[in-house]
N, C-alpha and C. Protein backbone atom coordinates (compact mmCIF):
# COMPACT_ATOMS: atom_id res chain seq x y z
N MET A 1 -15.75 -39.30 15.12
CA MET A 1 -15.14 -39.20 14.20
C MET A 1 -16.11 -38.99 12.81
N ASN A 2 -15.36 -38.86 11.57
CA ASN A 2 -15.89 -38.59 10.28
C ASN A 2 -16.86 -39.98 9.94
N LYS A 3 -18.09 -39.60 9.41
CA LYS A 3 -18.86 -40.61 9.13
C LYS A 3 -18.64 -41.57 7.74
N HIS A 4 -17.63 -40.85 7.14
CA HIS A 4 -17.22 -41.55 6.04
C HIS A 4 -16.23 -42.71 6.18
N ILE A 5 -15.14 -42.25 7.22
CA ILE A 5 -14.30 -43.13 7.78
C ILE A 5 -14.72 -44.17 8.17
N GLU A 6 -15.55 -43.92 9.46
CA GLU A 6 -16.31 -45.16 9.84
C GLU A 6 -16.90 -46.01 9.24
N LEU A 7 -17.53 -45.87 8.24
CA LEU A 7 -18.31 -46.72 7.16
C LEU A 7 -17.03 -47.71 6.58
N VAL A 8 -15.91 -47.06 6.34
CA VAL A 8 -15.23 -47.48 5.48
C VAL A 8 -14.04 -48.63 6.68
N LYS A 9 -14.16 -47.84 8.07
CA LYS A 9 -13.43 -48.82 9.00
C LYS A 9 -14.34 -50.04 9.29
N ARG A 10 -15.66 -49.74 9.38
CA ARG A 10 -16.56 -50.93 9.71
C ARG A 10 -16.66 -51.98 8.30
N TRP A 11 -16.35 -51.48 7.30
CA TRP A 11 -16.15 -52.63 5.91
C TRP A 11 -15.24 -53.53 6.24
N ILE A 12 -13.88 -52.75 6.60
CA ILE A 12 -12.31 -53.43 6.57
C ILE A 12 -12.91 -54.47 7.67
N ALA A 13 -13.46 -54.19 8.98
CA ALA A 13 -13.62 -54.86 9.68
C ALA A 13 -14.21 -56.12 9.47
N ASP A 14 -15.19 -55.94 8.86
CA ASP A 14 -16.68 -56.93 8.50
C ASP A 14 -17.00 -56.62 6.83
N ASN A 15 -16.41 -57.01 6.23
CA ASN A 15 -16.78 -56.91 4.60
C ASN A 15 -18.42 -56.82 4.48
N ASP A 16 -19.07 -58.19 5.02
CA ASP A 16 -20.42 -58.09 4.83
C ASP A 16 -21.44 -57.36 5.70
N SER A 17 -20.81 -56.22 6.55
CA SER A 17 -21.20 -55.23 7.21
C SER A 17 -21.94 -54.07 6.38
N VAL A 18 -21.29 -54.04 5.45
CA VAL A 18 -21.68 -52.77 4.69
C VAL A 18 -21.64 -53.22 3.14
N SER A 19 -22.58 -52.89 2.25
CA SER A 19 -22.79 -53.18 0.82
C SER A 19 -22.36 -52.45 -0.03
N ILE A 20 -21.89 -52.79 -1.22
CA ILE A 20 -21.17 -52.20 -2.35
C ILE A 20 -21.93 -50.92 -2.65
N GLN A 21 -23.24 -51.09 -2.61
CA GLN A 21 -24.05 -49.67 -2.66
C GLN A 21 -23.76 -48.56 -1.65
N GLU A 22 -23.91 -49.13 -0.36
CA GLU A 22 -23.37 -48.11 0.77
C GLU A 22 -22.07 -47.63 0.28
N LEU A 23 -21.18 -48.56 0.02
CA LEU A 23 -19.46 -48.12 -0.27
C LEU A 23 -19.76 -47.02 -1.31
N HIS A 24 -20.25 -47.10 -2.41
CA HIS A 24 -20.57 -46.16 -3.52
C HIS A 24 -21.24 -44.97 -2.98
N ALA A 25 -22.15 -44.97 -2.33
CA ALA A 25 -22.94 -43.71 -1.68
C ALA A 25 -22.23 -43.16 -0.79
N ASN A 26 -21.37 -43.70 -0.06
CA ASN A 26 -20.40 -43.37 0.81
C ASN A 26 -19.28 -42.50 -0.12
N PHE A 27 -18.82 -43.01 -1.05
CA PHE A 27 -17.78 -42.18 -1.82
C PHE A 27 -18.25 -40.98 -2.36
N ASP A 28 -19.44 -41.29 -3.05
CA ASP A 28 -19.81 -39.96 -3.58
C ASP A 28 -20.22 -38.94 -2.38
N SER A 29 -20.92 -39.17 -1.49
CA SER A 29 -21.09 -38.43 -0.18
C SER A 29 -19.89 -37.61 0.15
N ALA A 30 -18.84 -38.56 0.40
CA ALA A 30 -17.50 -38.08 0.65
C ALA A 30 -17.06 -36.91 -0.18
N ALA A 31 -16.84 -37.59 -1.55
CA ALA A 31 -16.36 -36.60 -2.50
C ALA A 31 -17.45 -35.17 -2.58
N ASP A 32 -18.79 -35.29 -2.39
CA ASP A 32 -19.35 -33.95 -2.31
C ASP A 32 -19.06 -32.82 -1.24
N ALA A 33 -18.73 -34.00 0.46
CA ALA A 33 -18.18 -33.17 1.22
C ALA A 33 -16.80 -32.46 1.01
N SER A 34 -16.08 -33.04 -0.06
CA SER A 34 -14.75 -32.50 0.02
C SER A 34 -14.65 -31.47 -1.03
N ASP A 35 -15.67 -31.82 -1.99
CA ASP A 35 -15.82 -30.42 -2.78
C ASP A 35 -16.46 -29.20 -2.16
N ALA A 36 -17.61 -29.34 -1.46
CA ALA A 36 -17.99 -28.54 -0.64
C ALA A 36 -16.88 -27.88 0.21
N ALA A 37 -15.79 -28.68 1.22
CA ALA A 37 -14.85 -28.06 1.83
C ALA A 37 -14.34 -27.00 0.89
N ALA A 38 -13.84 -27.65 0.08
CA ALA A 38 -12.65 -27.06 -1.13
C ALA A 38 -13.18 -25.52 -1.57
N ALA A 39 -14.80 -25.42 -2.15
CA ALA A 39 -15.18 -24.35 -2.23
C ALA A 39 -15.39 -23.21 -1.10
N ALA A 40 -15.49 -23.89 0.05
CA ALA A 40 -15.64 -22.83 1.28
C ALA A 40 -14.23 -22.31 1.27
N LEU A 41 -13.04 -23.28 1.04
CA LEU A 41 -11.71 -22.78 1.53
C LEU A 41 -11.59 -21.75 0.33
N SER A 42 -11.84 -21.78 -0.95
CA SER A 42 -11.55 -20.95 -1.77
C SER A 42 -12.34 -19.79 -1.55
N ASN A 43 -13.74 -19.80 -0.99
CA ASN A 43 -14.44 -18.51 -1.00
C ASN A 43 -13.66 -17.70 0.56
N ALA A 44 -12.96 -18.53 1.33
CA ALA A 44 -12.36 -17.92 2.33
C ALA A 44 -11.00 -17.44 1.88
N ILE A 45 -10.51 -17.82 1.19
CA ILE A 45 -8.96 -17.30 0.28
C ILE A 45 -9.66 -15.81 -0.49
N ASP A 46 -10.81 -16.15 -1.04
CA ASP A 46 -11.39 -14.89 -1.87
C ASP A 46 -11.47 -13.64 -0.78
N THR A 47 -12.27 -13.98 0.32
CA THR A 47 -12.55 -13.03 1.43
C THR A 47 -11.15 -12.31 1.88
N CYS A 48 -10.41 -13.28 2.25
CA CYS A 48 -9.08 -12.69 2.78
C CYS A 48 -8.44 -11.67 1.66
N LYS A 49 -8.51 -11.86 0.28
CA LYS A 49 -7.80 -11.13 -0.27
C LYS A 49 -8.49 -9.82 -0.57
N ALA A 50 -9.82 -10.01 -0.57
CA ALA A 50 -10.82 -8.65 -0.67
C ALA A 50 -10.39 -7.89 0.67
N ALA A 51 -10.23 -8.39 1.96
CA ALA A 51 -9.65 -7.70 2.87
C ALA A 51 -8.87 -7.16 3.06
N CYS A 52 -7.66 -8.01 2.22
CA CYS A 52 -6.16 -7.42 2.15
C CYS A 52 -6.35 -6.06 1.28
N ASN A 53 -6.83 -6.19 0.28
CA ASN A 53 -7.05 -5.08 -0.64
C ASN A 53 -7.95 -3.66 -0.07
N VAL A 54 -8.90 -4.09 0.91
CA VAL A 54 -9.23 -2.98 1.75
C VAL A 54 -8.31 -2.53 2.60
N VAL A 55 -7.44 -3.33 3.54
CA VAL A 55 -6.44 -2.63 4.08
C VAL A 55 -5.56 -1.70 3.63
N ASN A 56 -5.05 -2.08 1.96
CA ASN A 56 -4.11 -1.73 1.16
C ASN A 56 -4.77 -0.29 0.81
N ALA A 57 -6.24 -0.35 0.62
CA ALA A 57 -6.87 1.21 0.23
C ALA A 57 -6.83 1.95 1.33
N LEU A 58 -6.97 1.56 2.77
CA LEU A 58 -6.91 2.43 3.78
C LEU A 58 -5.42 2.79 3.99
N GLU A 59 -4.53 2.25 3.84
CA GLU A 59 -3.30 2.44 4.03
C GLU A 59 -2.69 3.72 3.01
N VAL A 60 -3.51 3.96 1.89
CA VAL A 60 -3.25 4.78 0.61
C VAL A 60 -3.87 6.12 1.30
N ILE A 61 -5.24 5.88 1.84
CA ILE A 61 -6.11 6.92 2.32
C ILE A 61 -5.31 7.66 3.63
N VAL A 62 -4.74 6.74 4.15
CA VAL A 62 -4.06 7.47 5.48
C VAL A 62 -2.68 7.98 5.07
N ASP A 63 -2.18 7.58 4.05
CA ASP A 63 -1.04 8.20 3.49
C ASP A 63 -1.14 9.69 2.63
N ALA A 64 -2.50 9.42 1.97
CA ALA A 64 -2.70 10.83 1.46
C ALA A 64 -3.53 11.92 2.44
N ALA A 65 -4.13 11.36 3.58
CA ALA A 65 -4.29 12.51 4.72
C ALA A 65 -3.48 13.04 5.35
N PHE A 66 -2.45 12.10 5.47
CA PHE A 66 -1.21 12.43 6.46
C PHE A 66 -0.41 13.64 5.35
N ALA A 67 -0.34 13.35 3.98
CA ALA A 67 0.53 14.36 3.22
C ALA A 67 -0.38 15.63 3.05
N ALA A 68 -1.78 15.65 3.17
CA ALA A 68 -2.81 16.61 3.05
C ALA A 68 -2.43 17.90 4.36
N ASP A 69 -2.35 17.01 5.39
CA ASP A 69 -2.36 17.17 6.70
C ASP A 69 -1.12 17.96 6.79
N MET A 70 0.24 17.68 6.20
CA MET A 70 1.49 18.37 6.25
C MET A 70 1.19 19.45 5.52
N GLU A 71 0.66 19.27 4.20
CA GLU A 71 0.59 20.56 3.24
C GLU A 71 -0.29 21.51 4.06
N ALA A 72 -1.36 21.37 4.73
CA ALA A 72 -2.08 22.37 5.18
C ALA A 72 -1.32 22.83 6.46
N ALA A 73 -0.55 22.16 7.24
CA ALA A 73 0.51 22.64 8.23
C ALA A 73 1.47 23.84 7.70
N ASP A 74 1.75 23.38 6.45
CA ASP A 74 2.88 24.20 5.90
C ASP A 74 2.09 25.51 5.47
N ALA A 75 0.98 25.19 4.65
CA ALA A 75 0.14 26.38 4.39
C ALA A 75 -0.06 27.15 5.47
N LEU A 76 -0.71 26.74 6.76
CA LEU A 76 -0.96 27.66 7.95
C LEU A 76 0.52 28.36 8.38
N VAL A 77 1.92 27.77 8.43
CA VAL A 77 2.95 28.50 8.60
C VAL A 77 2.78 29.70 7.84
N ALA A 78 2.90 29.29 6.61
CA ALA A 78 3.16 30.21 5.62
C ALA A 78 2.21 31.51 5.55
N ALA A 79 1.17 31.27 6.16
CA ALA A 79 -0.15 32.05 6.03
C ALA A 79 0.39 33.18 7.36
N GLN A 80 0.42 32.56 8.50
CA GLN A 80 1.11 33.19 9.56
C GLN A 80 1.68 34.25 9.51
N LYS A 81 3.02 33.51 8.77
CA LYS A 81 4.65 34.42 8.66
C LYS A 81 3.87 35.70 7.60
N ALA A 82 3.28 35.40 6.72
CA ALA A 82 2.88 36.56 5.86
C ALA A 82 2.27 37.26 6.42
N PHE A 83 1.40 37.02 7.15
CA PHE A 83 0.41 37.89 8.45
C PHE A 83 1.05 38.98 8.66
N PHE A 84 2.23 37.95 9.77
CA PHE A 84 3.15 38.77 10.61
C PHE A 84 3.76 39.76 9.93
N GLU A 85 4.36 39.44 8.87
CA GLU A 85 5.18 40.39 8.23
C GLU A 85 4.53 41.41 7.65
N LYS A 86 3.13 41.29 7.14
CA LYS A 86 2.08 42.34 6.54
C LYS A 86 1.76 43.00 7.72
N ARG A 87 1.56 42.72 8.77
CA ARG A 87 1.30 43.68 10.03
C ARG A 87 2.34 44.12 10.90
N THR A 88 3.58 43.77 10.59
CA THR A 88 4.57 44.21 11.35
C THR A 88 5.39 45.32 10.56
N PRO A 89 5.44 46.64 10.96
CA PRO A 89 6.30 47.71 9.96
C PRO A 89 7.65 47.00 9.83
N LYS A 90 8.36 47.47 8.64
CA LYS A 90 9.32 46.74 8.14
C LYS A 90 10.70 47.47 9.24
N LYS A 91 10.61 48.62 9.67
CA LYS A 91 11.28 49.26 10.62
C LYS A 91 11.65 48.53 11.68
N GLU A 92 10.56 47.56 12.30
CA GLU A 92 10.61 47.24 13.47
C GLU A 92 10.99 45.73 13.60
N LEU A 93 11.14 45.26 12.14
CA LEU A 93 11.75 43.92 12.23
C LEU A 93 13.25 43.87 12.23
N GLY A 94 13.70 44.78 11.56
CA GLY A 94 15.25 45.19 11.86
C GLY A 94 16.07 43.66 11.83
N ASP A 95 16.76 43.76 12.71
CA ASP A 95 17.79 42.66 13.12
C ASP A 95 17.25 41.97 13.73
N ASN A 96 15.94 41.78 14.58
CA ASN A 96 15.37 41.06 15.74
C ASN A 96 14.82 39.71 14.85
N MET A 97 14.59 39.78 13.37
CA MET A 97 14.16 38.45 12.70
C MET A 97 15.21 37.72 12.55
N LYS A 98 16.46 38.41 12.62
CA LYS A 98 17.62 37.28 12.34
C LYS A 98 18.29 36.71 13.58
N ILE A 99 18.59 35.46 13.44
CA ILE A 99 19.04 34.82 14.52
C ILE A 99 20.60 35.03 14.46
N THR A 100 21.22 35.65 15.79
CA THR A 100 22.78 35.70 15.45
C THR A 100 23.10 35.21 17.04
N LYS A 101 24.49 35.04 16.83
CA LYS A 101 25.12 34.49 17.94
C LYS A 101 25.38 35.46 18.92
N PRO A 102 25.35 35.26 20.67
CA PRO A 102 25.61 36.10 21.15
C PRO A 102 27.03 36.70 21.20
N LYS A 103 26.99 37.84 21.43
CA LYS A 103 28.61 38.28 21.63
C LYS A 103 29.20 38.19 22.33
N LYS A 104 30.53 37.51 22.75
CA LYS A 104 31.46 37.26 23.71
C LYS A 104 31.50 38.70 24.40
N SER A 105 31.71 38.44 25.74
CA SER A 105 31.88 39.98 26.10
C SER A 105 33.27 39.86 27.02
């Protein structure tokens, strides 16, 4: 168990077993330990917030990369279409480029 609590329990059980100076020193030591724990918790919270900021930044980067990838794909399709249209004589395109329903026979 905690050494600060143990000293107080010992004092409660037998007031003469612990001096007032020991109780004061124990109080100061416990307060210091509490302050250190609070500082450690605060640092942990700050670290967690920083990690969340990194995750948020990564999400923005992934979204931007996805958008750029989609734009690149659209550009590739447009380039392929332009290349095909430029290389294929107009008379060959004719109605073959139109989607039509099959005629009923």
